[in-house]
Amino acid sequence: MGQSSETIEAIKKLVDSKTGTVSEVVDIESIDTEDENYAPVVKLFDSHSIWSLPVVFIDGKIVSWGTSRLDRIEKSLGEMFPASKETAPSTSRT
């Protein structure tokens, strides 16, 4: 059984927000492996012998696998795409 559509949509939103791109996130268990549009993903998936779903690839690099926990995927994305550090407003009172 693959990931729920809600999980896939949440992963897509997270990837898009971290990378500034519009991604396509698919459940590899539900795609047509003969469809040449997905050939690069299927090849990477098979060549790494990772059978824990989901697997998130960006530019041919594995970002995260074996978890649908968004906090773990976000951590992996943060390591690949470090955000500029913004200074948070001070909450201390003097």
N, C-alpha and C. Protein backbone atom coordinates (compact mmCIF):
# COMPACT_ATOMS: atom_id res chain seq x y z
N MET A 1 0.84 -1.18 0.00
CA MET A 1 0.00 0.00 0.00
C MET A 1 0.88 1.24 0.00
N GLY A 2 0.49 2.22 -0.77
CA GLY A 2 1.28 3.44 -0.89
C GLY A 2 0.88 4.50 0.13
N GLN A 3 1.38 5.68 -0.11
CA GLN A 3 1.10 6.80 0.78
C GLN A 3 -0.28 7.38 0.47
N SER A 4 -0.90 7.98 1.47
CA SER A 4 -2.19 8.62 1.25
C SER A 4 -2.00 9.88 0.43
N SER A 5 -3.07 10.30 -0.23
CA SER A 5 -2.98 11.53 -1.04
C SER A 5 -2.69 12.74 -0.16
N GLU A 6 -3.15 12.72 1.09
CA GLU A 6 -2.86 13.83 2.00
C GLU A 6 -1.37 13.90 2.32
N THR A 7 -0.74 12.73 2.52
CA THR A 7 0.69 12.69 2.80
C THR A 7 1.48 13.18 1.60
N ILE A 8 1.11 12.73 0.41
CA ILE A 8 1.81 13.14 -0.80
C ILE A 8 1.68 14.65 -1.00
N GLU A 9 0.49 15.19 -0.78
CA GLU A 9 0.28 16.64 -0.93
C GLU A 9 1.08 17.42 0.11
N ALA A 10 1.15 16.92 1.33
CA ALA A 10 1.93 17.59 2.38
C ALA A 10 3.42 17.58 2.04
N ILE A 11 3.92 16.46 1.52
CA ILE A 11 5.32 16.39 1.12
C ILE A 11 5.58 17.37 -0.01
N LYS A 12 4.68 17.44 -0.99
CA LYS A 12 4.83 18.36 -2.13
C LYS A 12 4.91 19.81 -1.64
N LYS A 13 3.99 20.20 -0.76
CA LYS A 13 4.00 21.58 -0.25
C LYS A 13 5.30 21.89 0.49
N LEU A 14 5.78 20.93 1.26
CA LEU A 14 7.02 21.12 2.01
C LEU A 14 8.20 21.26 1.06
N VAL A 15 8.30 20.37 0.08
CA VAL A 15 9.40 20.44 -0.89
C VAL A 15 9.35 21.76 -1.65
N ASP A 16 8.17 22.15 -2.10
CA ASP A 16 8.03 23.41 -2.85
C ASP A 16 8.45 24.61 -2.01
N SER A 17 8.04 24.62 -0.74
CA SER A 17 8.37 25.77 0.10
C SER A 17 9.86 25.85 0.40
N LYS A 18 10.52 24.70 0.55
CA LYS A 18 11.95 24.69 0.87
C LYS A 18 12.83 24.95 -0.34
N THR A 19 12.37 24.54 -1.53
CA THR A 19 13.22 24.64 -2.72
C THR A 19 12.85 25.81 -3.61
N GLY A 20 11.68 26.39 -3.41
CA GLY A 20 11.24 27.48 -4.27
C GLY A 20 10.86 27.00 -5.66
N THR A 21 10.52 25.73 -5.79
CA THR A 21 10.15 25.16 -7.08
C THR A 21 8.74 24.60 -7.01
N VAL A 22 8.26 24.16 -8.15
CA VAL A 22 7.00 23.44 -8.19
C VAL A 22 7.36 21.99 -8.48
N SER A 23 7.16 21.15 -7.51
CA SER A 23 7.57 19.75 -7.64
C SER A 23 6.40 18.87 -8.02
N GLU A 24 6.74 17.68 -8.42
CA GLU A 24 5.74 16.64 -8.62
C GLU A 24 6.13 15.50 -7.70
N VAL A 25 5.25 15.18 -6.79
CA VAL A 25 5.50 14.09 -5.86
C VAL A 25 4.52 12.98 -6.21
N VAL A 26 5.07 11.80 -6.47
CA VAL A 26 4.22 10.67 -6.84
C VAL A 26 4.52 9.50 -5.91
N ASP A 27 3.54 8.66 -5.76
CA ASP A 27 3.71 7.43 -5.00
C ASP A 27 4.24 6.40 -5.98
N ILE A 28 5.48 5.97 -5.80
CA ILE A 28 6.12 5.09 -6.77
C ILE A 28 5.37 3.76 -6.91
N GLU A 29 4.62 3.37 -5.90
CA GLU A 29 3.85 2.13 -6.01
C GLU A 29 2.68 2.26 -6.97
N SER A 30 2.26 3.49 -7.25
CA SER A 30 1.07 3.67 -8.08
C SER A 30 1.39 4.15 -9.49
N ILE A 31 2.67 4.35 -9.83
CA ILE A 31 2.98 4.84 -11.16
C ILE A 31 3.20 3.69 -12.14
N ASP A 32 3.07 4.03 -13.40
CA ASP A 32 3.35 3.07 -14.47
C ASP A 32 4.85 3.06 -14.69
N THR A 33 5.51 1.99 -14.29
CA THR A 33 6.97 1.94 -14.37
C THR A 33 7.47 1.91 -15.81
N GLU A 34 6.58 1.69 -16.76
CA GLU A 34 6.97 1.72 -18.17
C GLU A 34 6.86 3.13 -18.75
N ASP A 35 6.25 4.06 -18.02
CA ASP A 35 6.10 5.44 -18.49
C ASP A 35 7.46 6.11 -18.46
N GLU A 36 7.95 6.53 -19.63
CA GLU A 36 9.30 7.09 -19.70
C GLU A 36 9.44 8.39 -18.92
N ASN A 37 8.35 9.07 -18.62
CA ASN A 37 8.43 10.29 -17.80
C ASN A 37 8.94 9.98 -16.40
N TYR A 38 8.68 8.77 -15.92
CA TYR A 38 9.10 8.40 -14.58
C TYR A 38 10.34 7.52 -14.58
N ALA A 39 10.90 7.24 -15.75
CA ALA A 39 12.06 6.35 -15.85
C ALA A 39 13.23 6.77 -14.95
N PRO A 40 13.59 8.07 -14.90
CA PRO A 40 14.72 8.44 -14.03
C PRO A 40 14.47 8.14 -12.55
N VAL A 41 13.25 8.35 -12.10
CA VAL A 41 12.93 8.09 -10.70
C VAL A 41 12.96 6.60 -10.42
N VAL A 42 12.37 5.82 -11.32
CA VAL A 42 12.35 4.36 -11.14
C VAL A 42 13.77 3.82 -11.15
N LYS A 43 14.61 4.34 -12.05
CA LYS A 43 16.00 3.89 -12.13
C LYS A 43 16.75 4.20 -10.83
N LEU A 44 16.60 5.41 -10.32
CA LEU A 44 17.25 5.77 -9.06
C LEU A 44 16.74 4.91 -7.92
N PHE A 45 15.45 4.74 -7.88
CA PHE A 45 14.83 3.94 -6.82
C PHE A 45 15.39 2.52 -6.84
N ASP A 46 15.42 1.93 -8.03
CA ASP A 46 15.92 0.56 -8.17
C ASP A 46 17.42 0.47 -7.90
N SER A 47 18.19 1.43 -8.39
CA SER A 47 19.65 1.35 -8.26
C SER A 47 20.11 1.50 -6.81
N HIS A 48 19.32 2.20 -5.99
CA HIS A 48 19.70 2.37 -4.59
C HIS A 48 19.14 1.26 -3.71
N SER A 49 18.32 0.40 -4.30
CA SER A 49 17.72 -0.73 -3.56
C SER A 49 17.08 -0.29 -2.25
N ILE A 50 16.41 0.83 -2.32
CA ILE A 50 15.71 1.34 -1.13
C ILE A 50 14.24 0.96 -1.30
N TRP A 51 13.77 0.12 -0.43
CA TRP A 51 12.39 -0.33 -0.54
C TRP A 51 11.53 0.22 0.59
N SER A 52 11.97 1.28 1.20
CA SER A 52 11.18 1.96 2.22
C SER A 52 10.59 3.20 1.59
N LEU A 53 9.29 3.30 1.64
CA LEU A 53 8.61 4.43 1.00
C LEU A 53 8.19 5.44 2.04
N PRO A 54 8.02 6.71 1.69
CA PRO A 54 8.35 7.26 0.38
C PRO A 54 9.83 7.59 0.26
N VAL A 55 10.28 7.74 -0.95
CA VAL A 55 11.63 8.22 -1.23
C VAL A 55 11.48 9.57 -1.91
N VAL A 56 12.17 10.59 -1.41
CA VAL A 56 12.11 11.92 -1.99
C VAL A 56 13.44 12.18 -2.67
N PHE A 57 13.41 12.40 -3.98
CA PHE A 57 14.59 12.72 -4.77
C PHE A 57 14.51 14.17 -5.21
N ILE A 58 15.63 14.88 -5.19
CA ILE A 58 15.72 16.21 -5.78
C ILE A 58 17.00 16.23 -6.60
N ASP A 59 16.87 16.54 -7.88
CA ASP A 59 18.01 16.57 -8.79
C ASP A 59 18.84 15.29 -8.69
N GLY A 60 18.19 14.16 -8.60
CA GLY A 60 18.88 12.88 -8.56
C GLY A 60 19.49 12.52 -7.23
N LYS A 61 19.31 13.38 -6.23
CA LYS A 61 19.85 13.09 -4.90
C LYS A 61 18.71 12.67 -3.98
N ILE A 62 18.98 11.66 -3.18
CA ILE A 62 17.97 11.23 -2.22
C ILE A 62 17.94 12.23 -1.07
N VAL A 63 16.76 12.77 -0.81
CA VAL A 63 16.59 13.72 0.28
C VAL A 63 16.12 13.00 1.53
N SER A 64 15.20 12.09 1.36
CA SER A 64 14.63 11.41 2.52
C SER A 64 14.02 10.10 2.05
N TRP A 65 14.01 9.11 2.93
CA TRP A 65 13.34 7.86 2.58
C TRP A 65 12.85 7.16 3.83
N GLY A 66 11.85 6.34 3.62
CA GLY A 66 11.36 5.49 4.68
C GLY A 66 10.58 6.19 5.77
N THR A 67 10.19 7.42 5.54
CA THR A 67 9.39 8.11 6.53
C THR A 67 8.45 9.07 5.83
N SER A 68 7.26 9.16 6.33
CA SER A 68 6.35 10.19 5.84
C SER A 68 6.23 11.30 6.87
N ARG A 69 7.08 11.23 7.90
CA ARG A 69 7.07 12.28 8.92
C ARG A 69 7.67 13.55 8.33
N LEU A 70 6.85 14.57 8.27
CA LEU A 70 7.29 15.81 7.64
C LEU A 70 8.46 16.45 8.36
N ASP A 71 8.57 16.28 9.68
CA ASP A 71 9.69 16.89 10.39
C ASP A 71 11.01 16.28 9.93
N ARG A 72 11.04 14.99 9.63
CA ARG A 72 12.28 14.37 9.15
C ARG A 72 12.60 14.79 7.73
N ILE A 73 11.57 14.88 6.89
CA ILE A 73 11.80 15.34 5.52
C ILE A 73 12.26 16.79 5.54
N GLU A 74 11.64 17.62 6.39
CA GLU A 74 12.03 19.03 6.49
C GLU A 74 13.48 19.16 6.94
N LYS A 75 13.91 18.33 7.87
CA LYS A 75 15.30 18.37 8.33
C LYS A 75 16.25 18.05 7.18
N SER A 76 15.92 17.02 6.40
CA SER A 76 16.75 16.66 5.25
C SER A 76 16.79 17.77 4.22
N LEU A 77 15.64 18.38 3.96
CA LEU A 77 15.59 19.49 3.01
C LEU A 77 16.39 20.68 3.52
N GLY A 78 16.32 20.92 4.83
CA GLY A 78 17.06 22.02 5.43
C GLY A 78 18.56 21.86 5.27
N GLU A 79 19.01 20.60 5.28
CA GLU A 79 20.44 20.35 5.09
C GLU A 79 20.85 20.59 3.64
N MET A 80 19.94 20.32 2.70
CA MET A 80 20.25 20.54 1.28
C MET A 80 20.06 21.99 0.87
N PHE A 81 19.07 22.64 1.46
CA PHE A 81 18.72 24.01 1.09
C PHE A 81 18.67 24.87 2.34
N PRO A 82 19.84 25.20 2.91
CA PRO A 82 19.81 26.01 4.13
C PRO A 82 19.18 27.37 3.86
N ALA A 83 18.24 27.73 4.69
CA ALA A 83 17.57 29.02 4.55
C ALA A 83 18.46 30.11 5.11
N SER A 84 18.26 31.30 4.58
CA SER A 84 19.02 32.42 5.14
C SER A 84 18.53 32.65 6.55
N LYS A 85 19.46 32.90 7.43
CA LYS A 85 19.10 33.07 8.84
C LYS A 85 18.47 34.44 9.02
N GLU A 86 17.27 34.41 9.54
CA GLU A 86 16.57 35.65 9.82
C GLU A 86 16.62 35.89 11.32
N THR A 87 16.73 37.12 11.68
CA THR A 87 16.76 37.45 13.09
C THR A 87 15.34 37.50 13.60
N ALA A 88 15.05 36.68 14.55
CA ALA A 88 13.71 36.66 15.14
C ALA A 88 13.58 37.84 16.09
N PRO A 89 12.39 38.40 16.16
CA PRO A 89 12.20 39.52 17.10
C PRO A 89 12.40 39.05 18.53
N SER A 90 12.98 39.91 19.31
CA SER A 90 13.25 39.57 20.70
C SER A 90 11.95 39.51 21.48
N THR A 91 11.84 38.51 22.32
CA THR A 91 10.64 38.41 23.16
C THR A 91 10.96 38.73 24.61
N SER A 92 12.22 39.09 24.88
CA SER A 92 12.58 39.40 26.27
C SER A 92 12.11 40.80 26.62
N ARG A 93 11.79 40.97 27.87
CA ARG A 93 11.36 42.30 28.34
C ARG A 93 12.33 42.78 29.40
N THR A 94 12.66 44.03 29.31
CA THR A 94 13.59 44.59 30.30
C THR A 94 12.89 45.56 31.21
